[in-house]
Amino acid sequence: GRLPVIATLNELDENDMVRILNEPRDSIIKQYKKLFELENVKLKFTDGAVRAVAKLAKERKTGARGLRSILENTMRECVISEEVVLNRENPILIFESASETA
């Protein structure tokens, strides 16, 4: 059962969420890098991108629980066309649109 205990917690700030994204042994970013690595794809996140994810989670008031969904919604789709294969052009990346974030 549950214990009838009330505890006060401090709200996470952006720096806390950046640490959650990067530091634990099984952090979300490390999980995604490993997942992509299994497909021989090198995934990189800039410091600015990590901070932006943390900032968005803070703005949405989702805390650490919202970090994964923000990353999942950001990395939507990568389309490989004939030009990518034959002409070594860049693939088409489809990102979350502004209307989807609302």
PDB file of N, CA and C in Angstrom:
ATOM      1  N   GLY A   1       0.810  -1.187   0.000  1.00  0.00           N
ATOM      2  CA  GLY A   1       0.000   0.000   0.000  1.00  0.00           C
ATOM      3  C   GLY A   1       0.850   1.245   0.000  1.00  0.00           C
ATOM      4  N   ARG A   2       0.180   2.331   0.093  1.00  0.00           N
ATOM      5  CA  ARG A   2       0.864   3.621   0.115  1.00  0.00           C
ATOM      6  C   ARG A   2       0.938   4.141   1.533  1.00  0.00           C
ATOM      7  N   LEU A   3       2.031   4.792   1.816  1.00  0.00           N
ATOM      8  CA  LEU A   3       2.203   5.399   3.125  1.00  0.00           C
ATOM      9  C   LEU A   3       1.678   6.830   3.076  1.00  0.00           C
ATOM     10  N   PRO A   4       0.958   7.253   4.084  1.00  0.00           N
ATOM     11  CA  PRO A   4       0.415   8.613   4.085  1.00  0.00           C
ATOM     12  C   PRO A   4       1.477   9.639   4.477  1.00  0.00           C
ATOM     13  N   VAL A   5       2.430   9.844   3.574  1.00  0.00           N
ATOM     14  CA  VAL A   5       3.529  10.757   3.836  1.00  0.00           C
ATOM     15  C   VAL A   5       3.486  11.878   2.800  1.00  0.00           C
ATOM     16  N   ILE A   6       3.664  13.082   3.253  1.00  0.00           N
ATOM     17  CA  ILE A   6       3.709  14.218   2.350  1.00  0.00           C
ATOM     18  C   ILE A   6       5.147  14.703   2.313  1.00  0.00           C
ATOM     19  N   ALA A   7       5.664  14.849   1.094  1.00  0.00           N
ATOM     20  CA  ALA A   7       7.034  15.333   0.929  1.00  0.00           C
ATOM     21  C   ALA A   7       7.026  16.493  -0.049  1.00  0.00           C
ATOM     22  N   THR A   8       7.854  17.459   0.214  1.00  0.00           N
ATOM     23  CA  THR A   8       7.985  18.602  -0.676  1.00  0.00           C
ATOM     24  C   THR A   8       9.212  18.397  -1.537  1.00  0.00           C
ATOM     25  N   LEU A   9       9.034  18.539  -2.844  1.00  0.00           N
ATOM     26  CA  LEU A   9      10.142  18.381  -3.777  1.00  0.00           C
ATOM     27  C   LEU A   9      10.414  19.701  -4.460  1.00  0.00           C
ATOM     28  N   ASN A  10      11.667  19.929  -4.779  1.00  0.00           N
ATOM     29  CA  ASN A  10      12.019  21.117  -5.531  1.00  0.00           C
ATOM     30  C   ASN A  10      11.818  20.849  -7.013  1.00  0.00           C
ATOM     31  N   GLU A  11      11.343  21.848  -7.741  1.00  0.00           N
ATOM     32  CA  GLU A  11      11.148  21.723  -9.177  1.00  0.00           C
ATOM     33  C   GLU A  11      12.507  21.636  -9.863  1.00  0.00           C
ATOM     34  N   LEU A  12      12.600  20.786 -10.885  1.00  0.00           N
ATOM     35  CA  LEU A  12      13.841  20.655 -11.632  1.00  0.00           C
ATOM     36  C   LEU A  12      14.057  21.899 -12.485  1.00  0.00           C
ATOM     37  N   ASP A  13      15.308  22.354 -12.555  1.00  0.00           N
ATOM     38  CA  ASP A  13      15.614  23.458 -13.461  1.00  0.00           C
ATOM     39  C   ASP A  13      16.243  22.895 -14.730  1.00  0.00           C
ATOM     40  N   GLU A  14      16.557  23.773 -15.675  1.00  0.00           N
ATOM     41  CA  GLU A  14      17.119  23.322 -16.957  1.00  0.00           C
ATOM     42  C   GLU A  14      18.411  22.530 -16.764  1.00  0.00           C
ATOM     43  N   ASN A  15      19.270  22.997 -15.874  1.00  0.00           N
ATOM     44  CA  ASN A  15      20.542  22.296 -15.643  1.00  0.00           C
ATOM     45  C   ASN A  15      20.316  20.887 -15.119  1.00  0.00           C
ATOM     46  N   ASP A  16      19.326  20.716 -14.234  1.00  0.00           N
ATOM     47  CA  ASP A  16      19.004  19.382 -13.730  1.00  0.00           C
ATOM     48  C   ASP A  16      18.574  18.469 -14.877  1.00  0.00           C
ATOM     49  N   MET A  17      17.737  19.004 -15.776  1.00  0.00           N
ATOM     50  CA  MET A  17      17.238  18.179 -16.879  1.00  0.00           C
ATOM     51  C   MET A  17      18.334  17.859 -17.887  1.00  0.00           C
ATOM     52  N   VAL A  18      19.252  18.800 -18.103  1.00  0.00           N
ATOM     53  CA  VAL A  18      20.397  18.529 -18.972  1.00  0.00           C
ATOM     54  C   VAL A  18      21.216  17.379 -18.383  1.00  0.00           C
ATOM     55  N   ARG A  19      21.413  17.402 -17.075  1.00  0.00           N
ATOM     56  CA  ARG A  19      22.149  16.317 -16.404  1.00  0.00           C
ATOM     57  C   ARG A  19      21.411  14.996 -16.556  1.00  0.00           C
ATOM     58  N   ILE A  20      20.081  15.018 -16.437  1.00  0.00           N
ATOM     59  CA  ILE A  20      19.289  13.795 -16.588  1.00  0.00           C
ATOM     60  C   ILE A  20      19.426  13.248 -18.008  1.00  0.00           C
ATOM     61  N   LEU A  21      19.490  14.130 -18.994  1.00  0.00           N
ATOM     62  CA  LEU A  21      19.634  13.697 -20.384  1.00  0.00           C
ATOM     63  C   LEU A  21      21.012  13.096 -20.668  1.00  0.00           C
ATOM     64  N   ASN A  22      22.038  13.580 -19.988  1.00  0.00           N
ATOM     65  CA  ASN A  22      23.412  13.195 -20.312  1.00  0.00           C
ATOM     66  C   ASN A  22      24.103  12.245 -19.350  1.00  0.00           C
ATOM     67  N   GLU A  23      23.906  12.404 -18.050  1.00  0.00           N
ATOM     68  CA  GLU A  23      24.803  11.789 -17.084  1.00  0.00           C
ATOM     69  C   GLU A  23      24.528  10.347 -16.664  1.00  0.00           C
ATOM     70  N   PRO A  24      23.293   9.941 -16.434  1.00  0.00           N
ATOM     71  CA  PRO A  24      23.119   8.559 -15.959  1.00  0.00           C
ATOM     72  C   PRO A  24      23.675   7.535 -16.945  1.00  0.00           C
ATOM     73  N   ARG A  25      24.068   6.410 -16.411  1.00  0.00           N
ATOM     74  CA  ARG A  25      24.625   5.338 -17.247  1.00  0.00           C
ATOM     75  C   ARG A  25      23.667   4.966 -18.370  1.00  0.00           C
ATOM     76  N   ASP A  26      22.381   4.997 -18.105  1.00  0.00           N
ATOM     77  CA  ASP A  26      21.375   4.638 -19.111  1.00  0.00           C
ATOM     78  C   ASP A  26      20.535   5.860 -19.498  1.00  0.00           C
ATOM     79  N   SER A  27      21.206   7.008 -19.660  1.00  0.00           N
ATOM     80  CA  SER A  27      20.491   8.242 -19.986  1.00  0.00           C
ATOM     81  C   SER A  27      19.760   8.109 -21.323  1.00  0.00           C
ATOM     82  N   ILE A  28      18.765   8.956 -21.512  1.00  0.00           N
ATOM     83  CA  ILE A  28      17.963   8.910 -22.732  1.00  0.00           C
ATOM     84  C   ILE A  28      18.838   9.108 -23.967  1.00  0.00           C
ATOM     85  N   ILE A  29      19.739  10.069 -23.904  1.00  0.00           N
ATOM     86  CA  ILE A  29      20.599  10.336 -25.059  1.00  0.00           C
ATOM     87  C   ILE A  29      21.516   9.151 -25.343  1.00  0.00           C
ATOM     88  N   LYS A  30      22.061   8.548 -24.315  1.00  0.00           N
ATOM     89  CA  LYS A  30      22.916   7.369 -24.518  1.00  0.00           C
ATOM     90  C   LYS A  30      22.110   6.213 -25.107  1.00  0.00           C
ATOM     91  N   GLN A  31      20.853   6.079 -24.700  1.00  0.00           N
ATOM     92  CA  GLN A  31      19.991   5.034 -25.254  1.00  0.00           C
ATOM     93  C   GLN A  31      19.766   5.253 -26.751  1.00  0.00           C
ATOM     94  N   TYR A  32      19.469   6.495 -27.137  1.00  0.00           N
ATOM     95  CA  TYR A  32      19.256   6.789 -28.557  1.00  0.00           C
ATOM     96  C   TYR A  32      20.532   6.590 -29.360  1.00  0.00           C
ATOM     97  N   LYS A  33      21.666   7.015 -28.824  1.00  0.00           N
ATOM     98  CA  LYS A  33      22.934   6.828 -29.536  1.00  0.00           C
ATOM     99  C   LYS A  33      23.199   5.347 -29.764  1.00  0.00           C
ATOM    100  N   LYS A  34      22.950   4.536 -28.752  1.00  0.00           N
ATOM    101  CA  LYS A  34      23.171   3.090 -28.875  1.00  0.00           C
ATOM    102  C   LYS A  34      22.211   2.483 -29.895  1.00  0.00           C
ATOM    103  N   LEU A  35      20.956   2.902 -29.860  1.00  0.00           N
ATOM    104  CA  LEU A  35      19.966   2.407 -30.802  1.00  0.00           C
ATOM    105  C   LEU A  35      20.371   2.720 -32.239  1.00  0.00           C
ATOM    106  N   PHE A  36      20.816   3.940 -32.490  1.00  0.00           N
ATOM    107  CA  PHE A  36      21.247   4.316 -33.832  1.00  0.00           C
ATOM    108  C   PHE A  36      22.537   3.598 -34.206  1.00  0.00           C
ATOM    109  N   GLU A  37      23.420   3.421 -33.234  1.00  0.00           N
ATOM    110  CA  GLU A  37      24.690   2.738 -33.467  1.00  0.00           C
ATOM    111  C   GLU A  37      24.465   1.310 -33.954  1.00  0.00           C
ATOM    112  N   LEU A  38      23.418   0.663 -33.472  1.00  0.00           N
ATOM    113  CA  LEU A  38      23.092  -0.697 -33.915  1.00  0.00           C
ATOM    114  C   LEU A  38      22.821  -0.754 -35.414  1.00  0.00           C
ATOM    115  N   GLU A  39      22.437   0.390 -35.983  1.00  0.00           N
ATOM    116  CA  GLU A  39      22.179   0.493 -37.421  1.00  0.00           C
ATOM    117  C   GLU A  39      23.318   1.213 -38.143  1.00  0.00           C
ATOM    118  N   ASN A  40      24.475   1.294 -37.483  1.00  0.00           N
ATOM    119  CA  ASN A  40      25.657   1.962 -38.032  1.00  0.00           C
ATOM    120  C   ASN A  40      25.408   3.430 -38.369  1.00  0.00           C
ATOM    121  N   VAL A  41      24.616   4.093 -37.545  1.00  0.00           N
ATOM    122  CA  VAL A  41      24.348   5.518 -37.695  1.00  0.00           C
ATOM    123  C   VAL A  41      24.907   6.222 -36.473  1.00  0.00           C
ATOM    124  N   LYS A  42      25.731   7.229 -36.714  1.00  0.00           N
ATOM    125  CA  LYS A  42      26.304   7.984 -35.610  1.00  0.00           C
ATOM    126  C   LYS A  42      25.366   9.145 -35.290  1.00  0.00           C
ATOM    127  N   LEU A  43      24.808   9.151 -34.112  1.00  0.00           N
ATOM    128  CA  LEU A  43      23.876  10.181 -33.674  1.00  0.00           C
ATOM    129  C   LEU A  43      24.609  11.144 -32.753  1.00  0.00           C
ATOM    130  N   LYS A  44      24.496  12.429 -33.037  1.00  0.00           N
ATOM    131  CA  LYS A  44      25.142  13.451 -32.211  1.00  0.00           C
ATOM    132  C   LYS A  44      24.109  14.484 -31.796  1.00  0.00           C
ATOM    133  N   PHE A  45      24.225  14.960 -30.584  1.00  0.00           N
ATOM    134  CA  PHE A  45      23.411  16.046 -30.066  1.00  0.00           C
ATOM    135  C   PHE A  45      24.359  17.169 -29.670  1.00  0.00           C
ATOM    136  N   THR A  46      24.113  18.362 -30.144  1.00  0.00           N
ATOM    137  CA  THR A  46      24.927  19.497 -29.699  1.00  0.00           C
ATOM    138  C   THR A  46      24.483  19.878 -28.288  1.00  0.00           C
ATOM    139  N   ASP A  47      25.346  20.596 -27.590  1.00  0.00           N
ATOM    140  CA  ASP A  47      24.984  21.067 -26.253  1.00  0.00           C
ATOM    141  C   ASP A  47      23.744  21.951 -26.320  1.00  0.00           C
ATOM    142  N   GLY A  48      23.659  22.753 -27.380  1.00  0.00           N
ATOM    143  CA  GLY A  48      22.500  23.619 -27.557  1.00  0.00           C
ATOM    144  C   GLY A  48      21.215  22.838 -27.743  1.00  0.00           C
ATOM    145  N   ALA A  49      21.289  21.733 -28.471  1.00  0.00           N
ATOM    146  CA  ALA A  49      20.099  20.901 -28.684  1.00  0.00           C
ATOM    147  C   ALA A  49      19.636  20.275 -27.373  1.00  0.00           C
ATOM    148  N   VAL A  50      20.568  19.789 -26.582  1.00  0.00           N
ATOM    149  CA  VAL A  50      20.224  19.182 -25.298  1.00  0.00           C
ATOM    150  C   VAL A  50      19.591  20.222 -24.379  1.00  0.00           C
ATOM    151  N   ARG A  51      20.178  21.414 -24.361  1.00  0.00           N
ATOM    152  CA  ARG A  51      19.639  22.489 -23.532  1.00  0.00           C
ATOM    153  C   ARG A  51      18.248  22.894 -24.027  1.00  0.00           C
ATOM    154  N   ALA A  52      18.020  22.892 -25.340  1.00  0.00           N
ATOM    155  CA  ALA A  52      16.714  23.248 -25.892  1.00  0.00           C
ATOM    156  C   ALA A  52      15.648  22.228 -25.486  1.00  0.00           C
ATOM    157  N   VAL A  53      16.007  20.951 -25.457  1.00  0.00           N
ATOM    158  CA  VAL A  53      15.073  19.915 -25.008  1.00  0.00           C
ATOM    159  C   VAL A  53      14.711  20.157 -23.546  1.00  0.00           C
ATOM    160  N   ALA A  54      15.716  20.443 -22.739  1.00  0.00           N
ATOM    161  CA  ALA A  54      15.477  20.714 -21.318  1.00  0.00           C
ATOM    162  C   ALA A  54      14.607  21.953 -21.140  1.00  0.00           C
ATOM    163  N   LYS A  55      14.880  22.990 -21.919  1.00  0.00           N
ATOM    164  CA  LYS A  55      14.105  24.225 -21.822  1.00  0.00           C
ATOM    165  C   LYS A  55      12.645  23.983 -22.203  1.00  0.00           C
ATOM    166  N   LEU A  56      12.426  23.209 -23.259  1.00  0.00           N
ATOM    167  CA  LEU A  56      11.066  22.916 -23.698  1.00  0.00           C
ATOM    168  C   LEU A  56      10.309  22.116 -22.642  1.00  0.00           C
ATOM    169  N   ALA A  57      10.971  21.156 -22.014  1.00  0.00           N
ATOM    170  CA  ALA A  57      10.339  20.381 -20.944  1.00  0.00           C
ATOM    171  C   ALA A  57       9.976  21.290 -19.773  1.00  0.00           C
ATOM    172  N   LYS A  58      10.829  22.231 -19.484  1.00  0.00           N
ATOM    173  CA  LYS A  58      10.566  23.193 -18.401  1.00  0.00           C
ATOM    174  C   LYS A  58       9.369  24.080 -18.743  1.00  0.00           C
ATOM    175  N   GLU A  59       9.320  24.571 -19.991  1.00  0.00           N
ATOM    176  CA  GLU A  59       8.212  25.418 -20.431  1.00  0.00           C
ATOM    177  C   GLU A  59       6.882  24.670 -20.403  1.00  0.00           C
ATOM    178  N   ARG A  60       6.927  23.398 -20.793  1.00  0.00           N
ATOM    179  CA  ARG A  60       5.701  22.585 -20.825  1.00  0.00           C
ATOM    180  C   ARG A  60       5.310  22.073 -19.445  1.00  0.00           C
ATOM    181  N   LYS A  61       6.199  22.283 -18.475  1.00  0.00           N
ATOM    182  CA  LYS A  61       5.991  21.816 -17.104  1.00  0.00           C
ATOM    183  C   LYS A  61       5.790  20.295 -17.038  1.00  0.00           C
ATOM    184  N   THR A  62       6.543  19.584 -17.888  1.00  0.00           N
ATOM    185  CA  THR A  62       6.460  18.123 -17.905  1.00  0.00           C
ATOM    186  C   THR A  62       7.566  17.485 -17.078  1.00  0.00           C
ATOM    187  N   GLY A  63       8.558  18.279 -16.696  1.00  0.00           N
ATOM    188  CA  GLY A  63       9.656  17.736 -15.912  1.00  0.00           C
ATOM    189  C   GLY A  63      10.439  16.693 -16.679  1.00  0.00           C
ATOM    190  N   ALA A  64      11.120  15.836 -15.946  1.00  0.00           N
ATOM    191  CA  ALA A  64      11.967  14.812 -16.566  1.00  0.00           C
ATOM    192  C   ALA A  64      11.153  13.800 -17.366  1.00  0.00           C
ATOM    193  N   ARG A  65       9.900  13.594 -16.987  1.00  0.00           N
ATOM    194  CA  ARG A  65       9.061  12.630 -17.713  1.00  0.00           C
ATOM    195  C   ARG A  65       8.816  13.045 -19.155  1.00  0.00           C
ATOM    196  N   GLY A  66       8.875  14.328 -19.442  1.00  0.00           N
ATOM    197  CA  GLY A  66       8.598  14.811 -20.790  1.00  0.00           C
ATOM    198  C   GLY A  66       9.794  14.817 -21.721  1.00  0.00           C
ATOM    199  N   LEU A  67      10.989  14.562 -21.205  1.00  0.00           N
ATOM    200  CA  LEU A  67      12.191  14.631 -22.029  1.00  0.00           C
ATOM    201  C   LEU A  67      12.163  13.636 -23.186  1.00  0.00           C
ATOM    202  N   ARG A  68      11.793  12.407 -22.919  1.00  0.00           N
ATOM    203  CA  ARG A  68      11.775  11.380 -23.964  1.00  0.00           C
ATOM    204  C   ARG A  68      10.767  11.729 -25.059  1.00  0.00           C
ATOM    205  N   SER A  69       9.582  12.171 -24.680  1.00  0.00           N
ATOM    206  CA  SER A  69       8.573  12.477 -25.695  1.00  0.00           C
ATOM    207  C   SER A  69       9.003  13.653 -26.562  1.00  0.00           C
ATOM    208  N   ILE A  70       9.707  14.618 -25.980  1.00  0.00           N
ATOM    209  CA  ILE A  70      10.214  15.743 -26.773  1.00  0.00           C
ATOM    210  C   ILE A  70      11.218  15.240 -27.806  1.00  0.00           C
ATOM    211  N   LEU A  71      12.126  14.373 -27.400  1.00  0.00           N
ATOM    212  CA  LEU A  71      13.098  13.818 -28.347  1.00  0.00           C
ATOM    213  C   LEU A  71      12.404  12.979 -29.420  1.00  0.00           C
ATOM    214  N   GLU A  72      11.445  12.159 -29.019  1.00  0.00           N
ATOM    215  CA  GLU A  72      10.738  11.321 -29.988  1.00  0.00           C
ATOM    216  C   GLU A  72       9.978  12.161 -31.003  1.00  0.00           C
ATOM    217  N   ASN A  73       9.365  13.238 -30.547  1.00  0.00           N
ATOM    218  CA  ASN A  73       8.622  14.099 -31.467  1.00  0.00           C
ATOM    219  C   ASN A  73       9.538  14.921 -32.358  1.00  0.00           C
ATOM    220  N   THR A  74      10.766  15.143 -31.926  1.00  0.00           N
ATOM    221  CA  THR A  74      11.709  15.912 -32.721  1.00  0.00           C
ATOM    222  C   THR A  74      12.294  15.065 -33.840  1.00  0.00           C
ATOM    223  N   MET A  75      12.630  13.822 -33.531  1.00  0.00           N
ATOM    224  CA  MET A  75      13.222  12.925 -34.528  1.00  0.00           C
ATOM    225  C   MET A  75      12.105  12.136 -35.198  1.00  0.00           C
ATOM    226  N   ARG A  76      11.442  12.750 -36.151  1.00  0.00           N
ATOM    227  CA  ARG A  76      10.254  12.167 -36.762  1.00  0.00           C
ATOM    228  C   ARG A  76      10.542  11.170 -37.876  1.00  0.00           C
ATOM    229  N   GLU A  77      11.182  11.645 -38.932  1.00  0.00           N
ATOM    230  CA  GLU A  77      11.281  10.794 -40.113  1.00  0.00           C
ATOM    231  C   GLU A  77      12.473  11.216 -40.960  1.00  0.00           C
ATOM    232  N   CYS A  78      13.130  10.234 -41.555  1.00  0.00           N
ATOM    233  CA  CYS A  78      14.233  10.455 -42.477  1.00  0.00           C
ATOM    234  C   CYS A  78      13.889   9.706 -43.756  1.00  0.00           C
ATOM    235  N   VAL A  79      13.778  10.440 -44.869  1.00  0.00           N
ATOM    236  CA  VAL A  79      13.373   9.839 -46.138  1.00  0.00           C
ATOM    237  C   VAL A  79      14.591   9.694 -47.032  1.00  0.00           C
ATOM    238  N   ILE A  80      14.836   8.481 -47.494  1.00  0.00           N
ATOM    239  CA  ILE A  80      15.930   8.196 -48.425  1.00  0.00           C
ATOM    240  C   ILE A  80      15.330   8.094 -49.821  1.00  0.00           C
ATOM    241  N   SER A  81      15.755   8.989 -50.686  1.00  0.00           N
ATOM    242  CA  SER A  81      15.242   8.996 -52.058  1.00  0.00           C
ATOM    243  C   SER A  81      16.289   8.422 -53.014  1.00  0.00           C
ATOM    244  N   GLU A  82      15.898   8.320 -54.279  1.00  0.00           N
ATOM    245  CA  GLU A  82      16.814   7.830 -55.310  1.00  0.00           C
ATOM    246  C   GLU A  82      18.035   8.740 -55.410  1.00  0.00           C
ATOM    247  N   GLU A  83      17.813  10.045 -55.270  1.00  0.00           N
ATOM    248  CA  GLU A  83      18.921  11.008 -55.349  1.00  0.00           C
ATOM    249  C   GLU A  83      19.923  10.810 -54.216  1.00  0.00           C
ATOM    250  N   VAL A  84      19.433  10.414 -53.078  1.00  0.00           N
ATOM    251  CA  VAL A  84      20.318  10.153 -51.940  1.00  0.00           C
ATOM    252  C   VAL A  84      21.226   8.973 -52.261  1.00  0.00           C
ATOM    253  N   VAL A  85      20.648   7.950 -52.837  1.00  0.00           N
ATOM    254  CA  VAL A  85      21.408   6.736 -53.142  1.00  0.00           C
ATOM    255  C   VAL A  85      22.365   6.959 -54.312  1.00  0.00           C
ATOM    256  N   LEU A  86      21.861   7.513 -55.399  1.00  0.00           N
ATOM    257  CA  LEU A  86      22.675   7.634 -56.610  1.00  0.00           C
ATOM    258  C   LEU A  86      23.598   8.854 -56.616  1.00  0.00           C
ATOM    259  N   ASN A  87      23.123   9.972 -56.099  1.00  0.00           N
ATOM    260  CA  ASN A  87      23.889  11.217 -56.184  1.00  0.00           C
ATOM    261  C   ASN A  87      24.489  11.653 -54.853  1.00  0.00           C
ATOM    262  N   ARG A  88      24.311  10.825 -53.834  1.00  0.00           N
ATOM    263  CA  ARG A  88      24.822  11.097 -52.493  1.00  0.00           C
ATOM    264  C   ARG A  88      24.322  12.433 -51.951  1.00  0.00           C
ATOM    265  N   GLU A  89      23.079  12.783 -52.305  1.00  0.00           N
ATOM    266  CA  GLU A  89      22.453  13.977 -51.757  1.00  0.00           C
ATOM    267  C   GLU A  89      22.041  13.704 -50.316  1.00  0.00           C
ATOM    268  N   ASN A  90      21.741  14.757 -49.583  1.00  0.00           N
ATOM    269  CA  ASN A  90      21.304  14.605 -48.196  1.00  0.00           C
ATOM    270  C   ASN A  90      19.896  14.034 -48.145  1.00  0.00           C
ATOM    271  N   PRO A  91      19.627  13.171 -47.176  1.00  0.00           N
ATOM    272  CA  PRO A  91      18.260  12.666 -47.030  1.00  0.00           C
ATOM    273  C   PRO A  91      17.319  13.784 -46.595  1.00  0.00           C
ATOM    274  N   ILE A  92      16.033  13.550 -46.802  1.00  0.00           N
ATOM    275  CA  ILE A  92      15.021  14.511 -46.393  1.00  0.00           C
ATOM    276  C   ILE A  92      14.667  14.216 -44.945  1.00  0.00           C
ATOM    277  N   LEU A  93      14.809  15.225 -44.091  1.00  0.00           N
ATOM    278  CA  LEU A  93      14.477  15.066 -42.692  1.00  0.00           C
ATOM    279  C   LEU A  93      13.174  15.777 -42.407  1.00  0.00           C
ATOM    280  N   ILE A  94      12.252  15.094 -41.778  1.00  0.00           N
ATOM    281  CA  ILE A  94      10.954  15.670 -41.440  1.00  0.00           C
ATOM    282  C   ILE A  94      10.904  15.856 -39.952  1.00  0.00           C
ATOM    283  N   PHE A  95      10.737  17.094 -39.527  1.00  0.00           N
ATOM    284  CA  PHE A  95      10.736  17.450 -38.117  1.00  0.00           C
ATOM    285  C   PHE A  95       9.338  17.759 -37.641  1.00  0.00           C
ATOM    286  N   GLU A  96       9.207  17.885 -36.358  1.00  0.00           N
ATOM    287  CA  GLU A  96       7.930  18.267 -35.752  1.00  0.00           C
ATOM    288  C   GLU A  96       7.576  19.669 -36.211  1.00  0.00           C
ATOM    289  N   SER A  97       6.346  19.841 -36.680  1.00  0.00           N
ATOM    290  CA  SER A  97       5.920  21.170 -37.111  1.00  0.00           C
ATOM    291  C   SER A  97       5.460  21.981 -35.902  1.00  0.00           C
ATOM    292  N   ALA A  98       5.439  23.287 -36.061  1.00  0.00           N
ATOM    293  CA  ALA A  98       5.040  24.171 -34.962  1.00  0.00           C
ATOM    294  C   ALA A  98       3.632  23.874 -34.499  1.00  0.00           C
ATOM    295  N   SER A  99       2.736  23.468 -35.399  1.00  0.00           N
ATOM    296  CA  SER A  99       1.351  23.191 -35.026  1.00  0.00           C
ATOM    297  C   SER A  99       1.236  21.934 -34.171  1.00  0.00           C
ATOM    298  N   GLU A 100       2.193  21.009 -34.295  1.00  0.00           N
ATOM    299  CA  GLU A 100       2.154  19.783 -33.506  1.00  0.00           C
ATOM    300  C   GLU A 100       2.591  20.003 -32.073  1.00  0.00           C
ATOM    301  N   THR A 101       3.347  21.077 -31.822  1.00  0.00           N
ATOM    302  CA  THR A 101       3.840  21.323 -30.470  1.00  0.00           C
ATOM    303  C   THR A 101       2.787  21.959 -29.587  1.00  0.00           C
ATOM    304  N   ALA A 102       1.769  22.530 -30.196  1.00  0.00           N
ATOM    305  CA  ALA A 102       0.733  23.211 -29.408  1.00  0.00           C
ATOM    306  C   ALA A 102      -0.200  22.257 -28.737  1.00  0.00           C
TER     307      ALA A 102
END
